[in-house]
Amino acid sequence: MAQFRLDKLLADRTQFSRADIKKIIRSGAVTVDGTKVTDGGFKVDPDTQTVTCMGKQIRGGAHLYLVMNKPVGVISATEDRKQKTVIDLVPKEFRVKGLFPAGRLDADSTGLLLLTDDGELAHRMLSPKHHVPKCYLVRLARPYEDSYAERFAQGLTLSDGMQCLPAEICSLREHENYALVRVQEGKYHQVKRMLAAVGNHVEHLHRIAVGSYLLPPQLPPGACLEVFHKDVESMLNLCEMPVLRDRVVYDFSSYSINESQ
């Protein structure tokens, strides 16, 4: 089990500076398993011990993982002078140092976005060589056509000549202007450009899964949920389209993709 210096743990998981942390520890405002600790070098295991700072419990685990249901109009960035970012939506108790979005969604797109301070895992997720699959609910300007599936499976060539890897697309049965799309790469505006290449237009894009991890349908837009490392590891796993399709159709209304958006 990982052990950390108390001062480093608090510096990493609070908004206080290292200088402030030293003062807080010396003041007796930090406890480990109910006992005051005034030595910043004291070793603690946050997974098995309860650490509090000024009466607030410090979470366990080496890294923080948050799943957000990104709303419209918010950008996938850590800071911006003009627009609201996903970090601005994170509750204060989760705003640890180094938190950033692992991947991105366009400002007008919604859905599953992982926020973390774990750079190594984010690299694994974003690296082109890993081909982490991502699934989207898409609202189309025109009804879905059966011919799309074969063209996606062959690997589309986009308008600028860029070649896409084979992808999957299927209709949502009774929802003729909706489709479920699964891609294994993350080119700029890829899903929108792929639908444009087959003669349609994306009116709304909502990411519902990364790997085999599904966005909880009950998570409201703008809200985030802390998840465990094992959940995040599932984002690196392959997902099967038919399974997702049945799940999405069953929970369709819960994902709030409707004509009013």
Protein backbone atom coordinates (compact mmCIF):
# COMPACT_ATOMS: atom_id res chain seq x y z
CA MET A 1 0.00 0.00 0.00
CA ALA A 2 1.31 3.44 -0.96
CA GLN A 3 2.53 5.77 1.77
CA PHE A 4 2.98 9.50 1.40
CA ARG A 5 4.55 12.28 3.43
CA LEU A 6 1.74 14.06 5.20
CA ASP A 7 2.77 17.49 3.91
CA LYS A 8 2.98 16.25 0.30
CA LEU A 9 -0.40 14.51 0.55
CA LEU A 10 -2.08 17.69 1.78
CA ALA A 11 -0.30 19.87 -0.78
CA ASP A 12 -1.48 17.57 -3.59
CA ARG A 13 -5.08 17.25 -2.40
CA THR A 14 -5.95 20.68 -1.08
CA GLN A 15 -5.83 24.21 -2.45
CA PHE A 16 -3.28 25.32 0.15
CA SER A 17 0.31 26.23 -0.77
CA ARG A 18 3.20 24.21 0.68
CA ALA A 19 4.02 27.10 3.00
CA ASP A 20 0.43 27.18 4.27
CA ILE A 21 0.44 23.41 4.71
CA LYS A 22 3.49 23.61 6.99
CA LYS A 23 1.77 26.21 9.17
CA ILE A 24 -1.47 24.24 9.30
CA ILE A 25 0.32 21.04 10.34
CA ARG A 26 2.35 22.84 13.02
CA SER A 27 -0.85 24.39 14.38
CA GLY A 28 -2.26 20.97 15.18
CA ALA A 29 -5.12 21.24 12.68
CA VAL A 30 -4.27 17.92 11.02
CA THR A 31 -5.17 14.49 12.36
CA VAL A 32 -4.42 10.92 11.29
CA ASP A 33 -6.91 8.36 12.57
CA GLY A 34 -8.12 10.91 15.12
CA THR A 35 -4.67 11.79 16.47
CA LYS A 36 -3.07 15.20 15.92
CA VAL A 37 0.11 15.05 13.85
CA THR A 38 2.47 18.04 13.74
CA ASP A 39 5.27 16.42 11.72
CA GLY A 40 4.98 17.10 7.99
CA GLY A 41 7.23 14.13 7.24
CA PHE A 42 4.90 11.68 8.97
CA LYS A 43 4.07 8.80 6.57
CA VAL A 44 0.42 8.01 5.93
CA ASP A 45 -1.53 5.61 3.74
CA PRO A 46 -4.65 7.52 2.62
CA ASP A 47 -6.28 4.28 1.43
CA THR A 48 -6.34 2.79 4.93
CA GLN A 49 -6.00 5.77 7.28
CA THR A 50 -8.35 8.68 7.90
CA VAL A 51 -6.63 12.03 7.41
CA THR A 52 -8.35 15.32 8.23
CA CYS A 53 -7.17 18.87 7.62
CA MET A 54 -8.93 21.66 9.51
CA GLY A 55 -11.84 19.29 10.18
CA LYS A 56 -12.23 18.14 6.57
CA GLN A 57 -11.45 14.57 5.58
CA ILE A 58 -8.87 14.11 2.84
CA ARG A 59 -9.86 11.50 0.27
CA GLY A 60 -7.89 8.30 -0.19
CA GLY A 61 -6.35 6.89 -3.37
CA ALA A 62 -3.24 7.97 -5.22
CA HIS A 63 -5.23 9.89 -7.86
CA LEU A 64 -8.60 11.49 -8.36
CA TYR A 65 -10.96 10.36 -11.12
CA LEU A 66 -14.15 12.25 -11.91
CA VAL A 67 -16.73 11.36 -14.53
CA MET A 68 -18.59 14.44 -15.76
CA ASN A 69 -21.69 14.77 -17.89
CA LYS A 70 -20.42 17.77 -19.82
CA PRO A 71 -23.15 20.27 -20.73
CA VAL A 72 -23.45 22.45 -23.83
CA GLY A 73 -21.41 25.66 -23.91
CA VAL A 74 -18.57 24.53 -21.66
CA ILE A 75 -15.10 23.91 -23.08
CA SER A 76 -12.81 20.97 -22.27
CA ALA A 77 -9.93 22.97 -20.80
CA THR A 78 -8.42 23.79 -17.43
CA GLU A 79 -8.80 27.56 -17.78
CA ASP A 80 -10.01 30.17 -20.23
CA ARG A 81 -10.45 33.94 -19.96
CA LYS A 82 -13.65 34.10 -21.95
CA GLN A 83 -15.51 30.79 -21.66
CA LYS A 84 -16.52 28.56 -18.79
CA THR A 85 -14.42 25.40 -18.54
CA VAL A 86 -15.18 21.94 -17.19
CA ILE A 87 -12.88 22.67 -14.24
CA ASP A 88 -15.13 25.60 -13.31
CA LEU A 89 -17.97 23.08 -12.83
CA VAL A 90 -16.02 20.84 -10.44
CA PRO A 91 -17.07 21.19 -6.78
CA LYS A 92 -14.40 22.80 -4.59
CA GLU A 93 -13.75 19.62 -2.62
CA PHE A 94 -12.56 17.93 -5.83
CA ARG A 95 -10.39 20.73 -7.20
CA VAL A 96 -7.04 19.10 -6.56
CA LYS A 97 -3.80 20.33 -8.08
CA GLY A 98 -3.14 19.05 -11.57
CA LEU A 99 -6.76 18.18 -12.40
CA PHE A 100 -7.42 18.22 -16.14
CA PRO A 101 -9.81 16.73 -18.73
CA ALA A 102 -8.48 13.49 -20.23
CA GLY A 103 -9.61 14.11 -23.78
CA ARG A 104 -12.08 16.65 -25.05
CA LEU A 105 -15.60 17.30 -26.23
CA ASP A 106 -16.49 20.30 -28.40
CA ALA A 107 -18.28 23.17 -26.66
CA ASP A 108 -21.56 22.21 -28.37
CA SER A 109 -21.18 18.48 -27.57
CA THR A 110 -22.22 16.80 -24.34
CA GLY A 111 -21.67 13.66 -22.33
CA LEU A 112 -18.97 11.57 -20.75
CA LEU A 113 -15.69 13.29 -19.93
CA LEU A 114 -13.04 12.03 -17.52
CA LEU A 115 -11.25 14.53 -15.29
CA THR A 116 -8.16 13.34 -13.44
CA ASP A 117 -4.74 14.22 -12.06
CA ASP A 118 -3.35 10.89 -13.30
CA GLY A 119 -1.22 11.80 -16.29
CA GLU A 120 -0.04 8.25 -16.94
CA LEU A 121 -3.56 6.86 -17.27
CA ALA A 122 -4.65 9.81 -19.41
CA HIS A 123 -1.75 9.11 -21.76
CA ARG A 124 -2.83 5.49 -22.10
CA MET A 125 -6.36 6.61 -22.87
CA LEU A 126 -5.43 9.28 -25.40
CA SER A 127 -2.51 7.61 -27.14
CA PRO A 128 -3.40 6.79 -30.78
CA LYS A 129 -1.72 3.39 -30.54
CA HIS A 130 -4.20 2.18 -27.92
CA HIS A 131 -7.33 2.85 -30.03
CA VAL A 132 -9.64 3.30 -27.03
CA PRO A 133 -13.20 3.02 -28.42
CA LYS A 134 -15.70 5.79 -27.79
CA CYS A 135 -19.46 5.63 -28.36
CA TYR A 136 -21.78 8.51 -29.16
CA LEU A 137 -25.49 9.13 -29.48
CA VAL A 138 -25.96 11.34 -32.52
CA ARG A 139 -28.97 13.35 -33.61
CA LEU A 140 -28.97 13.72 -37.39
CA ALA A 141 -30.44 16.39 -39.63
CA ARG A 142 -31.85 13.67 -41.91
CA PRO A 143 -32.98 10.10 -41.28
CA TYR A 144 -30.36 7.40 -40.88
CA GLU A 145 -29.64 5.31 -43.99
CA ASP A 146 -28.61 1.63 -43.93
CA SER A 147 -25.77 2.33 -46.38
CA TYR A 148 -23.87 4.23 -43.67
CA ALA A 149 -22.87 1.03 -41.84
CA GLU A 150 -20.90 -0.43 -44.75
CA ARG A 151 -19.13 2.83 -45.53
CA PHE A 152 -18.13 3.32 -41.88
CA ALA A 153 -16.88 -0.28 -41.70
CA GLN A 154 -14.66 0.26 -44.75
CA GLY A 155 -12.97 3.30 -43.20
CA LEU A 156 -14.12 6.66 -44.53
CA THR A 157 -11.96 9.19 -46.33
CA LEU A 158 -12.79 12.70 -45.10
CA SER A 159 -13.07 15.82 -47.24
CA ASP A 160 -9.46 16.82 -46.56
CA GLY A 161 -8.18 13.39 -47.60
CA MET A 162 -7.71 12.10 -44.06
CA GLN A 163 -8.33 8.36 -43.78
CA CYS A 164 -10.35 7.07 -40.81
CA LEU A 165 -10.02 3.65 -39.26
CA PRO A 166 -13.02 1.33 -39.63
CA ALA A 167 -15.88 2.41 -37.37
CA GLU A 168 -19.40 1.31 -36.53
CA ILE A 169 -22.76 3.01 -36.85
CA CYS A 170 -26.32 1.76 -36.39
CA SER A 171 -29.81 3.19 -36.13
CA LEU A 172 -31.82 3.41 -32.95
CA ARG A 173 -34.83 1.52 -34.27
CA GLU A 174 -37.83 3.79 -33.68
CA HIS A 175 -35.69 6.95 -33.65
CA GLU A 176 -34.94 7.40 -37.36
CA ASN A 177 -33.00 10.65 -36.93
CA TYR A 178 -30.68 9.15 -34.33
CA ALA A 179 -27.68 6.86 -34.59
CA LEU A 180 -25.16 5.20 -32.35
CA VAL A 181 -21.56 5.65 -33.50
CA ARG A 182 -18.47 3.84 -32.24
CA VAL A 183 -15.01 5.05 -33.24
CA GLN A 184 -11.57 3.89 -32.11
CA GLU A 185 -9.64 7.09 -32.66
CA GLY A 186 -10.08 10.76 -31.84
CA LYS A 187 -9.47 12.96 -34.84
CA TYR A 188 -10.66 16.57 -34.78
CA HIS A 189 -14.47 16.73 -35.14
CA GLN A 190 -14.25 13.16 -36.38
CA VAL A 191 -17.82 11.94 -35.90
CA LYS A 192 -19.27 15.13 -37.39
CA ARG A 193 -16.94 14.93 -40.38
CA MET A 194 -17.69 11.25 -40.93
CA LEU A 195 -21.43 11.90 -41.06
CA ALA A 196 -20.80 14.81 -43.42
CA ALA A 197 -18.83 12.42 -45.65
CA VAL A 198 -21.92 10.22 -46.08
CA GLY A 199 -24.18 13.20 -46.81
CA ASN A 200 -25.73 13.92 -43.42
CA HIS A 201 -25.24 16.51 -40.70
CA VAL A 202 -24.83 16.11 -36.93
CA GLU A 203 -27.19 18.33 -34.98
CA HIS A 204 -26.15 17.05 -31.57
CA LEU A 205 -23.41 14.77 -30.28
CA HIS A 206 -23.56 13.08 -26.87
CA ARG A 207 -20.78 10.74 -25.71
CA ILE A 208 -22.21 7.86 -23.73
CA ALA A 209 -19.23 5.52 -23.34
CA VAL A 210 -15.48 5.27 -23.31
CA GLY A 211 -14.23 1.72 -23.54
CA SER A 212 -16.74 -0.41 -21.67
CA TYR A 213 -17.64 2.34 -19.19
CA LEU A 214 -21.12 3.83 -19.70
CA LEU A 215 -22.04 7.31 -18.57
CA PRO A 216 -24.52 6.89 -15.69
CA PRO A 217 -27.88 7.99 -17.21
CA GLN A 218 -28.93 9.55 -13.90
CA LEU A 219 -25.94 11.95 -13.82
CA PRO A 220 -27.33 15.43 -14.61
CA PRO A 221 -25.63 17.75 -17.14
CA GLY A 222 -22.81 19.65 -15.43
CA ALA A 223 -22.55 17.21 -12.55
CA CYS A 224 -19.60 14.97 -11.82
CA LEU A 225 -19.14 11.70 -9.97
CA GLU A 226 -15.99 10.36 -8.31
CA VAL A 227 -15.12 6.89 -9.57
CA PHE A 228 -12.50 4.33 -8.60
CA HIS A 229 -9.40 3.25 -10.50
CA LYS A 230 -11.06 -0.04 -11.47
CA ASP A 231 -13.87 1.92 -13.14
CA VAL A 232 -11.38 4.01 -15.05
CA GLU A 233 -9.52 0.88 -16.17
CA SER A 234 -12.77 -0.24 -17.82
CA MET A 235 -12.49 2.84 -20.04
CA LEU A 236 -9.47 1.19 -21.63
CA ASN A 237 -11.39 -1.99 -22.46
CA LEU A 238 -13.11 -2.84 -25.72
CA CYS A 239 -16.88 -2.32 -25.87
CA GLU A 240 -19.28 -4.34 -27.96
CA MET A 241 -21.67 -2.33 -30.10
CA PRO A 242 -24.71 -4.68 -29.83
CA VAL A 243 -24.59 -4.64 -26.04
CA LEU A 244 -24.36 -0.86 -25.97
CA ARG A 245 -27.15 -0.56 -28.52
CA ASP A 246 -29.58 -2.57 -26.39
CA ARG A 247 -28.61 -0.63 -23.26
CA VAL A 248 -28.93 2.75 -24.96
CA VAL A 249 -32.33 1.99 -26.48
CA TYR A 250 -33.55 0.83 -23.07
CA ASP A 251 -32.28 3.98 -21.31
CA PHE A 252 -32.77 6.31 -24.26
CA SER A 253 -34.92 8.93 -22.50
CA SER A 254 -32.53 9.08 -19.53
CA TYR A 255 -29.75 10.47 -21.70
CA SER A 256 -31.78 13.62 -22.43
CA ILE A 257 -31.15 13.61 -26.17
CA ASN A 258 -34.39 15.03 -27.48
CA GLU A 259 -35.70 17.52 -29.96
CA SER A 260 -35.71 20.36 -27.43
CA GLN A 261 -31.91 20.47 -27.26
